[in-house]
Amino acid sequence: MLFADVILPLALERNYTFGVPIDMQDKIKIGCRVEVQFGKRKVYSGIVKKLHDHKPDVYDVKPIRTLLDREPIVTEAQIKFWEWMASYYMCTEGEVMNASLPSHLKLVSETFVVMNEDINIDEQDLTDEEFMVMQALEIKRSQKIEE
C-alpha cells in the first residue's frame, strides 16, 4: 500500500500520513493538493510532501478523500524551502504553507462552494463526483465543503 505524508495548513509539530487509495496511486505526485479529513469532521486541503510504503505505528491511517490537482502546484524545492523557513522562524510547515499559498487554493471545512453562473458546463464532460456536486449546487446555491 502507498502512503502520503501531507502538510496541513495547521500549526502541527509534524505532518500526518494518509493512505493513498488504489485509484489515485498512479496519479498522485509530490506537491499536489489533496483533500483529507483531519479529526472527526474537519476537512482540509494539504500538500503531498512525501510518498512511501511505511504505515505509521502510532495511529490508524485515514484515506485521502480527493486528489485536487493533476500536476503539482508546489515544487520539491519549494517544499524544502518551507522546511528551512519553518526551522529558521521556529514555526511549523503548515503555518508556512498557509502563508505561502493564495487563499483560493486552501480548503477547510468552513469553505463554501457556489456555482459560477457565468460558465456553461457540458454535463457529458463531468465525472460522476463532479456531476453530483453540480446537482447539489443547483438545489442549494451555497454548500459547505463537508456537505
Protein backbone atom coordinates (compact mmCIF):
# COMPACT_ATOMS: atom_id res chain seq x y z
CA MET A 1 0.00 0.00 0.00
CA LEU A 2 1.11 3.56 -0.73
CA PHE A 3 1.09 6.29 1.90
CA ALA A 4 1.49 10.07 1.68
CA ASP A 5 2.86 12.48 4.26
CA VAL A 6 0.71 15.59 3.94
CA ILE A 7 1.44 19.15 5.06
CA LEU A 8 -1.77 20.54 6.56
CA PRO A 9 -2.46 24.29 6.95
CA LEU A 10 -2.32 23.99 10.74
CA ALA A 11 0.24 24.63 13.48
CA LEU A 12 1.11 20.94 13.88
CA GLU A 13 4.55 19.81 15.04
CA ARG A 14 4.65 17.12 12.37
CA ASN A 15 2.99 16.10 9.14
CA TYR A 16 0.44 13.30 9.14
CA THR A 17 0.36 10.22 6.96
CA PHE A 18 -2.70 9.29 4.92
CA GLY A 19 -3.41 6.23 2.80
CA VAL A 20 -3.44 6.66 -0.96
CA PRO A 21 -6.48 4.91 -2.49
CA ILE A 22 -5.68 2.47 -5.29
CA ASP A 23 -7.35 4.61 -7.96
CA MET A 24 -5.05 7.57 -7.07
CA GLN A 25 -1.76 5.70 -6.79
CA ASP A 26 -0.67 6.23 -10.39
CA LYS A 27 -1.82 9.90 -10.41
CA ILE A 28 -0.62 11.34 -7.10
CA LYS A 29 2.63 13.32 -7.04
CA ILE A 30 4.68 15.23 -4.50
CA GLY A 31 3.48 18.84 -4.48
CA CYS A 32 -0.14 18.09 -5.38
CA ARG A 33 -3.03 19.21 -3.18
CA VAL A 34 -5.18 16.53 -1.61
CA GLU A 35 -8.39 16.74 0.40
CA VAL A 36 -8.16 14.93 3.74
CA GLN A 37 -10.31 14.54 6.81
CA PHE A 38 -8.46 15.54 9.96
CA GLY A 39 -10.29 14.89 13.19
CA LYS A 40 -13.92 13.84 13.25
CA ARG A 41 -15.42 16.44 10.94
CA LYS A 42 -12.76 18.82 9.65
CA VAL A 43 -11.76 18.69 6.00
CA TYR A 44 -8.59 20.37 4.73
CA SER A 45 -6.55 20.58 1.59
CA GLY A 46 -2.92 19.75 2.18
CA ILE A 47 0.20 19.35 0.08
CA VAL A 48 1.76 15.93 -0.50
CA LYS A 49 5.27 16.15 0.91
CA LYS A 50 6.40 12.55 0.60
CA LEU A 51 5.18 9.24 -0.86
CA HIS A 52 6.26 5.98 0.78
CA ASP A 53 5.16 2.49 1.83
CA HIS A 54 5.64 2.79 5.62
CA LYS A 55 2.44 2.66 7.70
CA PRO A 56 2.61 4.68 10.95
CA ASP A 57 2.58 2.59 14.14
CA VAL A 58 1.08 5.28 16.38
CA TYR A 59 -2.30 5.94 14.73
CA ASP A 60 -4.76 4.50 12.23
CA VAL A 61 -4.36 5.92 8.77
CA LYS A 62 -7.30 7.63 7.09
CA PRO A 63 -7.51 7.59 3.30
CA ILE A 64 -7.05 10.65 1.12
CA ARG A 65 -10.52 11.77 0.07
CA THR A 66 -9.74 13.53 -3.20
CA LEU A 67 -6.76 14.39 -5.37
CA LEU A 68 -7.32 18.08 -6.17
CA ASP A 69 -4.58 18.60 -8.77
CA ARG A 70 -3.41 16.67 -11.81
CA GLU A 71 0.00 18.30 -11.63
CA PRO A 72 1.92 19.59 -8.60
CA ILE A 73 1.26 23.21 -7.60
CA VAL A 74 4.37 23.27 -5.40
CA THR A 75 7.82 22.02 -6.40
CA GLU A 76 10.01 19.80 -4.24
CA ALA A 77 12.45 22.74 -3.98
CA GLN A 78 9.67 24.92 -2.57
CA ILE A 79 8.78 22.21 -0.04
CA LYS A 80 12.44 22.09 1.07
CA PHE A 81 12.39 25.89 1.35
CA TRP A 82 9.26 25.65 3.53
CA GLU A 83 11.13 23.18 5.77
CA TRP A 84 14.01 25.65 6.09
CA MET A 85 11.64 28.56 6.79
CA ALA A 86 9.80 26.60 9.50
CA SER A 87 13.09 25.74 11.15
CA TYR A 88 14.57 29.24 10.83
CA TYR A 89 11.45 31.08 12.03
CA MET A 90 10.56 28.44 14.66
CA CYS A 91 7.12 27.72 13.26
CA THR A 92 5.54 24.75 11.51
CA GLU A 93 5.50 23.76 7.84
CA GLY A 94 1.72 24.07 7.93
CA GLU A 95 1.97 27.70 9.01
CA VAL A 96 4.47 28.41 6.25
CA MET A 97 2.22 26.68 3.71
CA ASN A 98 -0.78 28.64 4.95
CA ALA A 99 1.09 31.92 4.50
CA SER A 100 2.55 30.90 1.13
CA LEU A 101 -0.49 29.70 -0.80
CA PRO A 102 -3.18 32.02 -2.19
CA SER A 103 -6.46 31.66 -0.32
CA HIS A 104 -8.33 30.16 -3.30
CA LEU A 105 -6.01 27.12 -3.14
CA LYS A 106 -6.85 26.38 0.50
CA LEU A 107 -9.80 24.24 1.50
CA VAL A 108 -11.12 23.96 5.03
CA SER A 109 -14.41 22.66 6.40
CA GLU A 110 -15.76 26.20 6.58
CA THR A 111 -15.13 26.83 2.87
CA PHE A 112 -18.28 27.35 0.83
CA VAL A 113 -18.72 26.26 -2.77
CA VAL A 114 -21.03 28.16 -5.11
CA MET A 115 -21.98 27.65 -8.74
CA ASN A 116 -20.36 30.03 -11.22
CA GLU A 117 -23.36 31.14 -13.29
CA ASP A 118 -21.13 32.70 -15.99
CA ILE A 119 -19.70 29.38 -17.16
CA ASN A 120 -21.56 26.99 -19.43
CA ILE A 121 -20.80 23.42 -18.32
CA ASP A 122 -21.30 20.39 -20.56
CA GLU A 123 -22.54 17.69 -18.20
CA GLN A 124 -21.12 15.00 -20.51
CA ASP A 125 -17.58 16.12 -19.59
CA LEU A 126 -18.10 15.77 -15.82
CA THR A 127 -17.05 12.84 -13.65
CA ASP A 128 -19.76 11.23 -11.52
CA GLU A 129 -18.47 13.09 -8.47
CA GLU A 130 -18.43 16.46 -10.29
CA PHE A 131 -21.95 15.84 -11.61
CA MET A 132 -23.24 15.14 -8.07
CA VAL A 133 -21.65 18.36 -6.78
CA MET A 134 -23.24 20.32 -9.62
CA GLN A 135 -26.67 18.82 -8.88
CA ALA A 136 -26.31 19.64 -5.17
CA LEU A 137 -25.42 23.26 -6.05
CA GLU A 138 -28.46 23.54 -8.31
CA ILE A 139 -30.66 22.57 -5.36
CA LYS A 140 -28.88 24.70 -2.76
CA ARG A 141 -26.79 27.54 -4.23
CA SER A 142 -24.13 27.55 -1.49
CA GLN A 143 -22.74 24.44 0.22
CA LYS A 144 -20.00 23.83 2.76
CA ILE A 145 -17.17 21.58 1.61
CA GLU A 146 -18.13 18.96 4.20
CA GLU A 147 -21.69 18.87 2.81
